[in-house]
Amino acid sequence: MQRVADFSGTYRLVVSDEHLAFIERSFVEPAPAGEREAVRAEALREAADAEIEIEADGTFVSRSQGQEFYRTSLAAELSADGEVSFQKPDGQLVTLRFLGRETVLALQDGKPPSTFQRR
């Protein structure tokens, strides 16, 4: 079994076309017409700066633009499929799939798959 600590480091979000569509659907379209450009710009800045960090002790941190969104502890070992799951503070389940040493895929219901590349 591989250990989560083997993947310690900081990973940056790769903003995909799916993410751009999600931002439009979830944040821009519901905003009042006069605020849409500002909402879009802020959401795109947040996505461009989004990163996750896995610390050697298994602590997982999600942040963007210097703001930490949450911090949690991961299980020490990955599953046989190379995954580890945890619940965000709001109760949403996140599964991290480790695709080699440089790439982490984050999967959450209602959001596009998020690929993170080691910085």
PDB file of N, CA and C in Angstrom:
ATOM      1  N   MET A   1       0.837  -1.197   0.000  1.00  0.00           N
ATOM      2  CA  MET A   1       0.000   0.000   0.000  1.00  0.00           C
ATOM      3  C   MET A   1       0.874   1.249   0.000  1.00  0.00           C
ATOM      4  N   GLN A   2       0.420   2.254  -0.726  1.00  0.00           N
ATOM      5  CA  GLN A   2       1.138   3.524  -0.721  1.00  0.00           C
ATOM      6  C   GLN A   2       0.609   4.401   0.405  1.00  0.00           C
ATOM      7  N   ARG A   3       1.505   5.231   0.915  1.00  0.00           N
ATOM      8  CA  ARG A   3       1.152   6.131   2.009  1.00  0.00           C
ATOM      9  C   ARG A   3       0.859   7.519   1.449  1.00  0.00           C
ATOM     10  N   VAL A   4      -0.085   8.205   2.067  1.00  0.00           N
ATOM     11  CA  VAL A   4      -0.420   9.574   1.672  1.00  0.00           C
ATOM     12  C   VAL A   4       0.815  10.456   1.769  1.00  0.00           C
ATOM     13  N   ALA A   5       1.630  10.233   2.785  1.00  0.00           N
ATOM     14  CA  ALA A   5       2.831  11.053   2.983  1.00  0.00           C
ATOM     15  C   ALA A   5       3.777  10.993   1.782  1.00  0.00           C
ATOM     16  N   ASP A   6       3.707   9.911   0.998  1.00  0.00           N
ATOM     17  CA  ASP A   6       4.551   9.799  -0.193  1.00  0.00           C
ATOM     18  C   ASP A   6       4.213  10.869  -1.237  1.00  0.00           C
ATOM     19  N   PHE A   7       3.064  11.495  -1.104  1.00  0.00           N
ATOM     20  CA  PHE A   7       2.597  12.486  -2.073  1.00  0.00           C
ATOM     21  C   PHE A   7       2.592  13.899  -1.489  1.00  0.00           C
ATOM     22  N   SER A   8       3.319  14.093  -0.393  1.00  0.00           N
ATOM     23  CA  SER A   8       3.319  15.422   0.215  1.00  0.00           C
ATOM     24  C   SER A   8       3.860  16.444  -0.777  1.00  0.00           C
ATOM     25  N   GLY A   9       3.265  17.614  -0.752  1.00  0.00           N
ATOM     26  CA  GLY A   9       3.647  18.696  -1.642  1.00  0.00           C
ATOM     27  C   GLY A   9       2.459  19.581  -1.937  1.00  0.00           C
ATOM     28  N   THR A  10       2.674  20.568  -2.792  1.00  0.00           N
ATOM     29  CA  THR A  10       1.633  21.513  -3.181  1.00  0.00           C
ATOM     30  C   THR A  10       1.291  21.283  -4.644  1.00  0.00           C
ATOM     31  N   TYR A  11       0.001  21.270  -4.931  1.00  0.00           N
ATOM     32  CA  TYR A  11      -0.512  20.990  -6.263  1.00  0.00           C
ATOM     33  C   TYR A  11      -1.442  22.129  -6.688  1.00  0.00           C
ATOM     34  N   ARG A  12      -1.302  22.576  -7.932  1.00  0.00           N
ATOM     35  CA  ARG A  12      -2.092  23.694  -8.467  1.00  0.00           C
ATOM     36  C   ARG A  12      -3.196  23.166  -9.374  1.00  0.00           C
ATOM     37  N   LEU A  13      -4.403  23.764  -9.274  1.00  0.00           N
ATOM     38  CA  LEU A  13      -5.531  23.373 -10.121  1.00  0.00           C
ATOM     39  C   LEU A  13      -5.243  23.670 -11.588  1.00  0.00           C
ATOM     40  N   VAL A  14      -5.569  22.714 -12.447  1.00  0.00           N
ATOM     41  CA  VAL A  14      -5.542  22.920 -13.887  1.00  0.00           C
ATOM     42  C   VAL A  14      -6.973  23.314 -14.274  1.00  0.00           C
ATOM     43  N   VAL A  15      -7.175  24.577 -14.643  1.00  0.00           N
ATOM     44  CA  VAL A  15      -8.513  25.067 -14.961  1.00  0.00           C
ATOM     45  C   VAL A  15      -8.900  24.566 -16.352  1.00  0.00           C
ATOM     46  N   SER A  16      -9.929  23.740 -16.392  1.00  0.00           N
ATOM     47  CA  SER A  16     -10.380  23.116 -17.636  1.00  0.00           C
ATOM     48  C   SER A  16     -11.604  23.843 -18.197  1.00  0.00           C
ATOM     49  N   ASP A  17     -11.992  23.478 -19.412  1.00  0.00           N
ATOM     50  CA  ASP A  17     -13.220  24.013 -19.996  1.00  0.00           C
ATOM     51  C   ASP A  17     -14.423  23.655 -19.129  1.00  0.00           C
ATOM     52  N   GLU A  18     -14.390  22.467 -18.509  1.00  0.00           N
ATOM     53  CA  GLU A  18     -15.471  22.072 -17.599  1.00  0.00           C
ATOM     54  C   GLU A  18     -15.557  23.009 -16.405  1.00  0.00           C
ATOM     55  N   HIS A  19     -14.410  23.440 -15.886  1.00  0.00           N
ATOM     56  CA  HIS A  19     -14.409  24.389 -14.770  1.00  0.00           C
ATOM     57  C   HIS A  19     -14.979  25.734 -15.195  1.00  0.00           C
ATOM     58  N   LEU A  20     -14.585  26.188 -16.383  1.00  0.00           N
ATOM     59  CA  LEU A  20     -15.097  27.466 -16.873  1.00  0.00           C
ATOM     60  C   LEU A  20     -16.616  27.418 -17.027  1.00  0.00           C
ATOM     61  N   ALA A  21     -17.145  26.326 -17.557  1.00  0.00           N
ATOM     62  CA  ALA A  21     -18.595  26.171 -17.702  1.00  0.00           C
ATOM     63  C   ALA A  21     -19.268  26.114 -16.332  1.00  0.00           C
ATOM     64  N   PHE A  22     -18.655  25.427 -15.375  1.00  0.00           N
ATOM     65  CA  PHE A  22     -19.189  25.340 -14.012  1.00  0.00           C
ATOM     66  C   PHE A  22     -19.251  26.728 -13.373  1.00  0.00           C
ATOM     67  N   ILE A  23     -18.208  27.523 -13.553  1.00  0.00           N
ATOM     68  CA  ILE A  23     -18.183  28.887 -13.011  1.00  0.00           C
ATOM     69  C   ILE A  23     -19.334  29.704 -13.606  1.00  0.00           C
ATOM     70  N   GLU A  24     -19.523  29.600 -14.904  1.00  0.00           N
ATOM     71  CA  GLU A  24     -20.616  30.339 -15.549  1.00  0.00           C
ATOM     72  C   GLU A  24     -21.972  29.914 -14.994  1.00  0.00           C
ATOM     73  N   ARG A  25     -22.204  28.601 -14.911  1.00  0.00           N
ATOM     74  CA  ARG A  25     -23.492  28.066 -14.441  1.00  0.00           C
ATOM     75  C   ARG A  25     -23.752  28.372 -12.977  1.00  0.00           C
ATOM     76  N   SER A  26     -22.732  28.180 -12.155  1.00  0.00           N
ATOM     77  CA  SER A  26     -22.925  28.224 -10.709  1.00  0.00           C
ATOM     78  C   SER A  26     -22.801  29.605 -10.086  1.00  0.00           C
ATOM     79  N   PHE A  27     -22.000  30.472 -10.705  1.00  0.00           N
ATOM     80  CA  PHE A  27     -21.724  31.766 -10.085  1.00  0.00           C
ATOM     81  C   PHE A  27     -22.162  32.951 -10.938  1.00  0.00           C
ATOM     82  N   VAL A  28     -21.848  32.909 -12.223  1.00  0.00           N
ATOM     83  CA  VAL A  28     -22.103  34.077 -13.077  1.00  0.00           C
ATOM     84  C   VAL A  28     -23.588  34.195 -13.428  1.00  0.00           C
ATOM     85  N   GLU A  29     -24.187  33.136 -13.961  1.00  0.00           N
ATOM     86  CA  GLU A  29     -25.593  33.202 -14.386  1.00  0.00           C
ATOM     87  C   GLU A  29     -26.548  33.586 -13.259  1.00  0.00           C
ATOM     88  N   PRO A  30     -26.367  33.070 -12.024  1.00  0.00           N
ATOM     89  CA  PRO A  30     -27.294  33.451 -10.951  1.00  0.00           C
ATOM     90  C   PRO A  30     -27.101  34.886 -10.430  1.00  0.00           C
ATOM     91  N   ALA A  31     -25.977  35.514 -10.755  1.00  0.00           N
ATOM     92  CA  ALA A  31     -25.701  36.864 -10.254  1.00  0.00           C
ATOM     93  C   ALA A  31     -26.559  37.892 -10.993  1.00  0.00           C
ATOM     94  N   PRO A  32     -26.868  38.999 -10.322  1.00  0.00           N
ATOM     95  CA  PRO A  32     -27.579  40.080 -11.016  1.00  0.00           C
ATOM     96  C   PRO A  32     -26.776  40.528 -12.239  1.00  0.00           C
ATOM     97  N   ALA A  33     -27.474  40.908 -13.312  1.00  0.00           N
ATOM     98  CA  ALA A  33     -26.830  41.249 -14.582  1.00  0.00           C
ATOM     99  C   ALA A  33     -25.701  42.258 -14.412  1.00  0.00           C
ATOM    100  N   GLY A  34     -25.869  43.255 -13.598  1.00  0.00           N
ATOM    101  CA  GLY A  34     -24.856  44.286 -13.420  1.00  0.00           C
ATOM    102  C   GLY A  34     -23.622  43.831 -12.662  1.00  0.00           C
ATOM    103  N   GLU A  35     -23.698  42.661 -12.040  1.00  0.00           N
ATOM    104  CA  GLU A  35     -22.575  42.157 -11.237  1.00  0.00           C
ATOM    105  C   GLU A  35     -21.847  40.988 -11.889  1.00  0.00           C
ATOM    106  N   ARG A  36     -22.337  40.522 -13.005  1.00  0.00           N
ATOM    107  CA  ARG A  36     -21.805  39.291 -13.608  1.00  0.00           C
ATOM    108  C   ARG A  36     -20.332  39.391 -13.980  1.00  0.00           C
ATOM    109  N   GLU A  37     -19.900  40.493 -14.559  1.00  0.00           N
ATOM    110  CA  GLU A  37     -18.489  40.624 -14.942  1.00  0.00           C
ATOM    111  C   GLU A  37     -17.579  40.553 -13.717  1.00  0.00           C
ATOM    112  N   ALA A  38     -17.961  41.230 -12.639  1.00  0.00           N
ATOM    113  CA  ALA A  38     -17.157  41.212 -11.412  1.00  0.00           C
ATOM    114  C   ALA A  38     -17.145  39.821 -10.792  1.00  0.00           C
ATOM    115  N   VAL A  39     -18.296  39.154 -10.788  1.00  0.00           N
ATOM    116  CA  VAL A  39     -18.389  37.793 -10.248  1.00  0.00           C
ATOM    117  C   VAL A  39     -17.516  36.849 -11.074  1.00  0.00           C
ATOM    118  N   ARG A  40     -17.589  36.958 -12.398  1.00  0.00           N
ATOM    119  CA  ARG A  40     -16.782  36.112 -13.283  1.00  0.00           C
ATOM    120  C   ARG A  40     -15.295  36.335 -13.015  1.00  0.00           C
ATOM    121  N   ALA A  41     -14.875  37.600 -12.955  1.00  0.00           N
ATOM    122  CA  ALA A  41     -13.458  37.912 -12.752  1.00  0.00           C
ATOM    123  C   ALA A  41     -12.956  37.345 -11.430  1.00  0.00           C
ATOM    124  N   GLU A  42     -13.740  37.497 -10.372  1.00  0.00           N
ATOM    125  CA  GLU A  42     -13.315  36.983  -9.065  1.00  0.00           C
ATOM    126  C   GLU A  42     -13.250  35.459  -9.069  1.00  0.00           C
ATOM    127  N   ALA A  43     -14.242  34.803  -9.657  1.00  0.00           N
ATOM    128  CA  ALA A  43     -14.246  33.333  -9.700  1.00  0.00           C
ATOM    129  C   ALA A  43     -13.077  32.804 -10.520  1.00  0.00           C
ATOM    130  N   LEU A  44     -12.757  33.484 -11.618  1.00  0.00           N
ATOM    131  CA  LEU A  44     -11.621  33.052 -12.444  1.00  0.00           C
ATOM    132  C   LEU A  44     -10.299  33.259 -11.715  1.00  0.00           C
ATOM    133  N   ARG A  45     -10.169  34.354 -10.969  1.00  0.00           N
ATOM    134  CA  ARG A  45      -8.947  34.568 -10.167  1.00  0.00           C
ATOM    135  C   ARG A  45      -8.800  33.477  -9.105  1.00  0.00           C
ATOM    136  N   GLU A  46      -9.908  33.170  -8.442  1.00  0.00           N
ATOM    137  CA  GLU A  46      -9.863  32.133  -7.409  1.00  0.00           C
ATOM    138  C   GLU A  46      -9.472  30.784  -8.005  1.00  0.00           C
ATOM    139  N   ALA A  47     -10.048  30.439  -9.150  1.00  0.00           N
ATOM    140  CA  ALA A  47      -9.717  29.163  -9.793  1.00  0.00           C
ATOM    141  C   ALA A  47      -8.257  29.123 -10.226  1.00  0.00           C
ATOM    142  N   ALA A  48      -7.780  30.225 -10.802  1.00  0.00           N
ATOM    143  CA  ALA A  48      -6.394  30.270 -11.287  1.00  0.00           C
ATOM    144  C   ALA A  48      -5.381  30.118 -10.163  1.00  0.00           C
ATOM    145  N   ASP A  49      -5.749  30.501  -8.953  1.00  0.00           N
ATOM    146  CA  ASP A  49      -4.833  30.433  -7.820  1.00  0.00           C
ATOM    147  C   ASP A  49      -5.131  29.259  -6.878  1.00  0.00           C
ATOM    148  N   ALA A  50      -6.113  28.426  -7.211  1.00  0.00           N
ATOM    149  CA  ALA A  50      -6.510  27.317  -6.331  1.00  0.00           C
ATOM    150  C   ALA A  50      -5.404  26.283  -6.227  1.00  0.00           C
ATOM    151  N   GLU A  51      -5.165  25.848  -5.008  1.00  0.00           N
ATOM    152  CA  GLU A  51      -4.165  24.807  -4.796  1.00  0.00           C
ATOM    153  C   GLU A  51      -4.550  23.964  -3.598  1.00  0.00           C
ATOM    154  N   ILE A  52      -3.993  22.770  -3.594  1.00  0.00           N
ATOM    155  CA  ILE A  52      -4.108  21.887  -2.441  1.00  0.00           C
ATOM    156  C   ILE A  52      -2.698  21.561  -1.974  1.00  0.00           C
ATOM    157  N   GLU A  53      -2.596  21.307  -0.691  1.00  0.00           N
ATOM    158  CA  GLU A  53      -1.309  20.904  -0.127  1.00  0.00           C
ATOM    159  C   GLU A  53      -1.530  19.664   0.717  1.00  0.00           C
ATOM    160  N   ILE A  54      -0.642  18.724   0.554  1.00  0.00           N
ATOM    161  CA  ILE A  54      -0.639  17.521   1.381  1.00  0.00           C
ATOM    162  C   ILE A  54       0.644  17.572   2.179  1.00  0.00           C
ATOM    163  N   GLU A  55       0.491  17.662   3.490  1.00  0.00           N
ATOM    164  CA  GLU A  55       1.656  17.745   4.369  1.00  0.00           C
ATOM    165  C   GLU A  55       2.139  16.342   4.724  1.00  0.00           C
ATOM    166  N   ALA A  56       3.367  16.236   5.153  1.00  0.00           N
ATOM    167  CA  ALA A  56       3.985  14.934   5.441  1.00  0.00           C
ATOM    168  C   ALA A  56       3.219  14.139   6.497  1.00  0.00           C
ATOM    169  N   ASP A  57       2.515  14.841   7.394  1.00  0.00           N
ATOM    170  CA  ASP A  57       1.750  14.141   8.439  1.00  0.00           C
ATOM    171  C   ASP A  57       0.343  13.749   7.984  1.00  0.00           C
ATOM    172  N   GLY A  58       0.020  13.977   6.673  1.00  0.00           N
ATOM    173  CA  GLY A  58      -1.283  13.613   6.140  1.00  0.00           C
ATOM    174  C   GLY A  58      -2.319  14.725   6.222  1.00  0.00           C
ATOM    175  N   THR A  59      -1.920  15.905   6.669  1.00  0.00           N
ATOM    176  CA  THR A  59      -2.841  17.035   6.700  1.00  0.00           C
ATOM    177  C   THR A  59      -3.088  17.507   5.272  1.00  0.00           C
ATOM    178  N   PHE A  60      -4.343  17.753   4.951  1.00  0.00           N
ATOM    179  CA  PHE A  60      -4.758  18.232   3.630  1.00  0.00           C
ATOM    180  C   PHE A  60      -5.271  19.658   3.789  1.00  0.00           C
ATOM    181  N   VAL A  61      -4.786  20.569   2.932  1.00  0.00           N
ATOM    182  CA  VAL A  61      -5.185  21.974   2.985  1.00  0.00           C
ATOM    183  C   VAL A  61      -5.678  22.393   1.605  1.00  0.00           C
ATOM    184  N   SER A  62      -6.803  23.089   1.570  1.00  0.00           N
ATOM    185  CA  SER A  62      -7.345  23.669   0.343  1.00  0.00           C
ATOM    186  C   SER A  62      -7.317  25.181   0.494  1.00  0.00           C
ATOM    187  N   ARG A  63      -6.768  25.886  -0.520  1.00  0.00           N
ATOM    188  CA  ARG A  63      -6.691  27.346  -0.421  1.00  0.00           C
ATOM    189  C   ARG A  63      -6.606  27.978  -1.803  1.00  0.00           C
ATOM    190  N   SER A  64      -6.829  29.290  -1.808  1.00  0.00           N
ATOM    191  CA  SER A  64      -6.665  30.109  -3.004  1.00  0.00           C
ATOM    192  C   SER A  64      -6.454  31.550  -2.576  1.00  0.00           C
ATOM    193  N   GLN A  65      -5.623  32.261  -3.304  1.00  0.00           N
ATOM    194  CA  GLN A  65      -5.353  33.669  -3.056  1.00  0.00           C
ATOM    195  C   GLN A  65      -4.971  33.928  -1.599  1.00  0.00           C
ATOM    196  N   GLY A  66      -4.209  33.009  -1.029  1.00  0.00           N
ATOM    197  CA  GLY A  66      -3.743  33.161   0.339  1.00  0.00           C
ATOM    198  C   GLY A  66      -4.783  32.868   1.406  1.00  0.00           C
ATOM    199  N   GLN A  67      -6.000  32.514   1.004  1.00  0.00           N
ATOM    200  CA  GLN A  67      -7.056  32.199   1.957  1.00  0.00           C
ATOM    201  C   GLN A  67      -7.217  30.687   2.075  1.00  0.00           C
ATOM    202  N   GLU A  68      -7.131  30.186   3.276  1.00  0.00           N
ATOM    203  CA  GLU A  68      -7.343  28.760   3.521  1.00  0.00           C
ATOM    204  C   GLU A  68      -8.836  28.504   3.648  1.00  0.00           C
ATOM    205  N   PHE A  69      -9.341  27.567   2.828  1.00  0.00           N
ATOM    206  CA  PHE A  69     -10.757  27.232   2.882  1.00  0.00           C
ATOM    207  C   PHE A  69     -11.046  26.176   3.936  1.00  0.00           C
ATOM    208  N   TYR A  70     -10.205  25.158   4.003  1.00  0.00           N
ATOM    209  CA  TYR A  70     -10.337  24.150   5.052  1.00  0.00           C
ATOM    210  C   TYR A  70      -9.068  23.338   5.148  1.00  0.00           C
ATOM    211  N   ARG A  71      -8.977  22.628   6.263  1.00  0.00           N
ATOM    212  CA  ARG A  71      -7.840  21.780   6.586  1.00  0.00           C
ATOM    213  C   ARG A  71      -8.416  20.538   7.265  1.00  0.00           C
ATOM    214  N   THR A  72      -7.902  19.368   6.855  1.00  0.00           N
ATOM    215  CA  THR A  72      -8.391  18.131   7.441  1.00  0.00           C
ATOM    216  C   THR A  72      -7.275  17.097   7.433  1.00  0.00           C
ATOM    217  N   SER A  73      -7.487  16.022   8.143  1.00  0.00           N
ATOM    218  CA  SER A  73      -6.507  14.934   8.176  1.00  0.00           C
ATOM    219  C   SER A  73      -6.966  13.810   7.263  1.00  0.00           C
ATOM    220  N   LEU A  74      -6.042  13.311   6.458  1.00  0.00           N
ATOM    221  CA  LEU A  74      -6.328  12.195   5.560  1.00  0.00           C
ATOM    222  C   LEU A  74      -5.915  10.887   6.226  1.00  0.00           C
ATOM    223  N   ALA A  75      -6.506   9.786   5.769  1.00  0.00           N
ATOM    224  CA  ALA A  75      -6.065   8.464   6.207  1.00  0.00           C
ATOM    225  C   ALA A  75      -4.593   8.302   5.826  1.00  0.00           C
ATOM    226  N   ALA A  76      -3.880   7.501   6.568  1.00  0.00           N
ATOM    227  CA  ALA A  76      -2.437   7.356   6.355  1.00  0.00           C
ATOM    228  C   ALA A  76      -2.101   6.629   5.050  1.00  0.00           C
ATOM    229  N   GLU A  77      -2.992   5.723   4.620  1.00  0.00           N
ATOM    230  CA  GLU A  77      -2.689   4.915   3.434  1.00  0.00           C
ATOM    231  C   GLU A  77      -3.760   5.079   2.367  1.00  0.00           C
ATOM    232  N   LEU A  78      -3.343   4.961   1.118  1.00  0.00           N
ATOM    233  CA  LEU A  78      -4.269   4.981  -0.009  1.00  0.00           C
ATOM    234  C   LEU A  78      -4.953   3.628  -0.129  1.00  0.00           C
ATOM    235  N   SER A  79      -6.120   3.623  -0.740  1.00  0.00           N
ATOM    236  CA  SER A  79      -6.801   2.364  -1.020  1.00  0.00           C
ATOM    237  C   SER A  79      -6.024   1.613  -2.097  1.00  0.00           C
ATOM    238  N   ALA A  80      -6.433   0.389  -2.373  1.00  0.00           N
ATOM    239  CA  ALA A  80      -5.792  -0.402  -3.426  1.00  0.00           C
ATOM    240  C   ALA A  80      -5.917   0.281  -4.788  1.00  0.00           C
ATOM    241  N   ASP A  81      -6.934   1.152  -4.959  1.00  0.00           N
ATOM    242  CA  ASP A  81      -7.147   1.889  -6.203  1.00  0.00           C
ATOM    243  C   ASP A  81      -6.347   3.195  -6.261  1.00  0.00           C
ATOM    244  N   GLY A  82      -5.529   3.462  -5.238  1.00  0.00           N
ATOM    245  CA  GLY A  82      -4.745   4.700  -5.212  1.00  0.00           C
ATOM    246  C   GLY A  82      -5.556   5.918  -4.833  1.00  0.00           C
ATOM    247  N   GLU A  83      -6.548   5.720  -3.960  1.00  0.00           N
ATOM    248  CA  GLU A  83      -7.444   6.800  -3.570  1.00  0.00           C
ATOM    249  C   GLU A  83      -7.506   6.950  -2.056  1.00  0.00           C
ATOM    250  N   VAL A  84      -7.939   8.141  -1.654  1.00  0.00           N
ATOM    251  CA  VAL A  84      -8.274   8.409  -0.265  1.00  0.00           C
ATOM    252  C   VAL A  84      -9.451   9.381  -0.285  1.00  0.00           C
ATOM    253  N   SER A  85     -10.406   9.193   0.617  1.00  0.00           N
ATOM    254  CA  SER A  85     -11.586  10.054   0.674  1.00  0.00           C
ATOM    255  C   SER A  85     -11.668  10.731   2.033  1.00  0.00           C
ATOM    256  N   PHE A  86     -12.335  11.889   2.036  1.00  0.00           N
ATOM    257  CA  PHE A  86     -12.564  12.625   3.281  1.00  0.00           C
ATOM    258  C   PHE A  86     -13.811  13.474   3.112  1.00  0.00           C
ATOM    259  N   GLN A  87     -14.323  13.971   4.233  1.00  0.00           N
ATOM    260  CA  GLN A  87     -15.472  14.862   4.187  1.00  0.00           C
ATOM    261  C   GLN A  87     -15.022  16.286   4.451  1.00  0.00           C
ATOM    262  N   LYS A  88     -15.498  17.198   3.600  1.00  0.00           N
ATOM    263  CA  LYS A  88     -15.241  18.616   3.812  1.00  0.00           C
ATOM    264  C   LYS A  88     -16.045  19.062   5.036  1.00  0.00           C
ATOM    265  N   PRO A  89     -15.733  20.222   5.597  1.00  0.00           N
ATOM    266  CA  PRO A  89     -16.485  20.698   6.767  1.00  0.00           C
ATOM    267  C   PRO A  89     -17.993  20.783   6.530  1.00  0.00           C
ATOM    268  N   ASP A  90     -18.417  20.993   5.274  1.00  0.00           N
ATOM    269  CA  ASP A  90     -19.852  21.055   4.977  1.00  0.00           C
ATOM    270  C   ASP A  90     -20.470  19.668   4.785  1.00  0.00           C
ATOM    271  N   GLY A  91     -19.670  18.614   4.978  1.00  0.00           N
ATOM    272  CA  GLY A  91     -20.163  17.241   4.874  1.00  0.00           C
ATOM    273  C   GLY A  91     -20.018  16.627   3.496  1.00  0.00           C
ATOM    274  N   GLN A  92     -19.594  17.396   2.501  1.00  0.00           N
ATOM    275  CA  GLN A  92     -19.440  16.869   1.144  1.00  0.00           C
ATOM    276  C   GLN A  92     -18.253  15.920   1.069  1.00  0.00           C
ATOM    277  N   LEU A  93     -18.467  14.773   0.436  1.00  0.00           N
ATOM    278  CA  LEU A  93     -17.416  13.773   0.272  1.00  0.00           C
ATOM    279  C   LEU A  93     -16.512  14.148  -0.894  1.00  0.00           C
ATOM    280  N   VAL A  94     -15.204  14.071  -0.672  1.00  0.00           N
ATOM    281  CA  VAL A  94     -14.199  14.315  -1.703  1.00  0.00           C
ATOM    282  C   VAL A  94     -13.337  13.065  -1.800  1.00  0.00           C
ATOM    283  N   THR A  95     -13.091  12.604  -3.010  1.00  0.00           N
ATOM    284  CA  THR A  95     -12.174  11.493  -3.236  1.00  0.00           C
ATOM    285  C   THR A  95     -10.981  12.018  -4.006  1.00  0.00           C
ATOM    286  N   LEU A  96      -9.800  11.757  -3.484  1.00  0.00           N
ATOM    287  CA  LEU A  96      -8.555  12.107  -4.162  1.00  0.00           C
ATOM    288  C   LEU A  96      -8.002  10.849  -4.806  1.00  0.00           C
ATOM    289  N   ARG A  97      -7.745  10.924  -6.095  1.00  0.00           N
ATOM    290  CA  ARG A  97      -7.154   9.806  -6.834  1.00  0.00           C
ATOM    291  C   ARG A  97      -5.754  10.243  -7.262  1.00  0.00           C
ATOM    292  N   PHE A  98      -4.759   9.501  -6.839  1.00  0.00           N
ATOM    293  CA  PHE A  98      -3.364   9.847  -7.131  1.00  0.00           C
ATOM    294  C   PHE A  98      -2.949   9.180  -8.435  1.00  0.00           C
ATOM    295  N   LEU A  99      -2.634  10.012  -9.427  1.00  0.00           N
ATOM    296  CA  LEU A  99      -2.273   9.536 -10.765  1.00  0.00           C
ATOM    297  C   LEU A  99      -0.777   9.743 -10.950  1.00  0.00           C
ATOM    298  N   GLY A 100       0.005   8.941 -10.290  1.00  0.00           N
ATOM    299  CA  GLY A 100       1.451   9.139 -10.298  1.00  0.00           C
ATOM    300  C   GLY A 100       1.837  10.160  -9.240  1.00  0.00           C
ATOM    301  N   ARG A 101       3.089  10.533  -9.233  1.00  0.00           N
ATOM    302  CA  ARG A 101       3.610  11.443  -8.194  1.00  0.00           C
ATOM    303  C   ARG A 101       3.307  12.912  -8.455  1.00  0.00           C
ATOM    304  N   GLU A 102       2.901  13.236  -9.673  1.00  0.00           N
ATOM    305  CA  GLU A 102       2.750  14.653 -10.051  1.00  0.00           C
ATOM    306  C   GLU A 102       1.317  15.135 -10.174  1.00  0.00           C
ATOM    307  N   THR A 103       0.339  14.218 -10.145  1.00  0.00           N
ATOM    308  CA  THR A 103      -1.039  14.588 -10.445  1.00  0.00           C
ATOM    309  C   THR A 103      -2.017  13.988  -9.442  1.00  0.00           C
ATOM    310  N   VAL A 104      -2.937  14.833  -8.979  1.00  0.00           N
ATOM    311  CA  VAL A 104      -4.012  14.405  -8.090  1.00  0.00           C
ATOM    312  C   VAL A 104      -5.330  14.807  -8.747  1.00  0.00           C
ATOM    313  N   LEU A 105      -6.262  13.876  -8.812  1.00  0.00           N
ATOM    314  CA  LEU A 105      -7.595  14.135  -9.336  1.00  0.00           C
ATOM    315  C   LEU A 105      -8.546  14.185  -8.146  1.00  0.00           C
ATOM    316  N   ALA A 106      -9.257  15.308  -7.991  1.00  0.00           N
ATOM    317  CA  ALA A 106     -10.240  15.462  -6.911  1.00  0.00           C
ATOM    318  C   ALA A 106     -11.632  15.306  -7.492  1.00  0.00           C
ATOM    319  N   LEU A 107     -12.416  14.424  -6.881  1.00  0.00           N
ATOM    320  CA  LEU A 107     -13.769  14.124  -7.354  1.00  0.00           C
ATOM    321  C   LEU A 107     -14.783  14.476  -6.271  1.00  0.00           C
ATOM    322  N   GLN A 108     -15.799  15.280  -6.670  1.00  0.00           N
ATOM    323  CA  GLN A 108     -16.870  15.682  -5.758  1.00  0.00           C
ATOM    324  C   GLN A 108     -18.178  15.687  -6.533  1.00  0.00           C
ATOM    325  N   ASP A 109     -19.250  15.237  -5.915  1.00  0.00           N
ATOM    326  CA  ASP A 109     -20.557  15.301  -6.556  1.00  0.00           C
ATOM    327  C   ASP A 109     -20.915  16.748  -6.863  1.00  0.00           C
ATOM    328  N   GLY A 110     -21.459  16.973  -8.052  1.00  0.00           N
ATOM    329  CA  GLY A 110     -21.927  18.288  -8.433  1.00  0.00           C
ATOM    330  C   GLY A 110     -20.862  19.229  -8.955  1.00  0.00           C
ATOM    331  N   LYS A 111     -19.618  18.781  -9.013  1.00  0.00           N
ATOM    332  CA  LYS A 111     -18.524  19.606  -9.517  1.00  0.00           C
ATOM    333  C   LYS A 111     -17.756  18.818 -10.573  1.00  0.00           C
ATOM    334  N   PRO A 112     -17.137  19.529 -11.509  1.00  0.00           N
ATOM    335  CA  PRO A 112     -16.340  18.792 -12.496  1.00  0.00           C
ATOM    336  C   PRO A 112     -15.113  18.170 -11.828  1.00  0.00           C
ATOM    337  N   PRO A 113     -14.589  17.076 -12.389  1.00  0.00           N
ATOM    338  CA  PRO A 113     -13.339  16.522 -11.863  1.00  0.00           C
ATOM    339  C   PRO A 113     -12.263  17.603 -11.887  1.00  0.00           C
ATOM    340  N   SER A 114     -11.476  17.671 -10.833  1.00  0.00           N
ATOM    341  CA  SER A 114     -10.437  18.713 -10.720  1.00  0.00           C
ATOM    342  C   SER A 114      -9.069  18.067 -10.717  1.00  0.00           C
ATOM    343  N   THR A 115      -8.276  18.394 -11.721  1.00  0.00           N
ATOM    344  CA  THR A 115      -6.918  17.895 -11.825  1.00  0.00           C
ATOM    345  C   THR A 115      -5.972  18.916 -11.200  1.00  0.00           C
ATOM    346  N   PHE A 116      -5.106  18.438 -10.324  1.00  0.00           N
ATOM    347  CA  PHE A 116      -4.109  19.274  -9.674  1.00  0.00           C
ATOM    348  C   PHE A 116      -2.725  18.738 -10.046  1.00  0.00           C
ATOM    349  N   GLN A 117      -1.858  19.637 -10.482  1.00  0.00           N
ATOM    350  CA  GLN A 117      -0.476  19.280 -10.861  1.00  0.00           C
ATOM    351  C   GLN A 117       0.499  19.794  -9.799  1.00  0.00           C
ATOM    352  N   ARG A 118       1.489  18.980  -9.490  1.00  0.00           N
ATOM    353  CA  ARG A 118       2.499  19.381  -8.501  1.00  0.00           C
ATOM    354  C   ARG A 118       3.190  20.645  -8.967  1.00  0.00           C
ATOM    355  N   ARG A 119       3.390  21.570  -8.049  1.00  0.00           N
ATOM    356  CA  ARG A 119       4.103  22.824  -8.362  1.00  0.00           C
ATOM    357  C   ARG A 119       5.580  22.623  -8.268  1.00  0.00           C
TER     358      ARG A 119
END
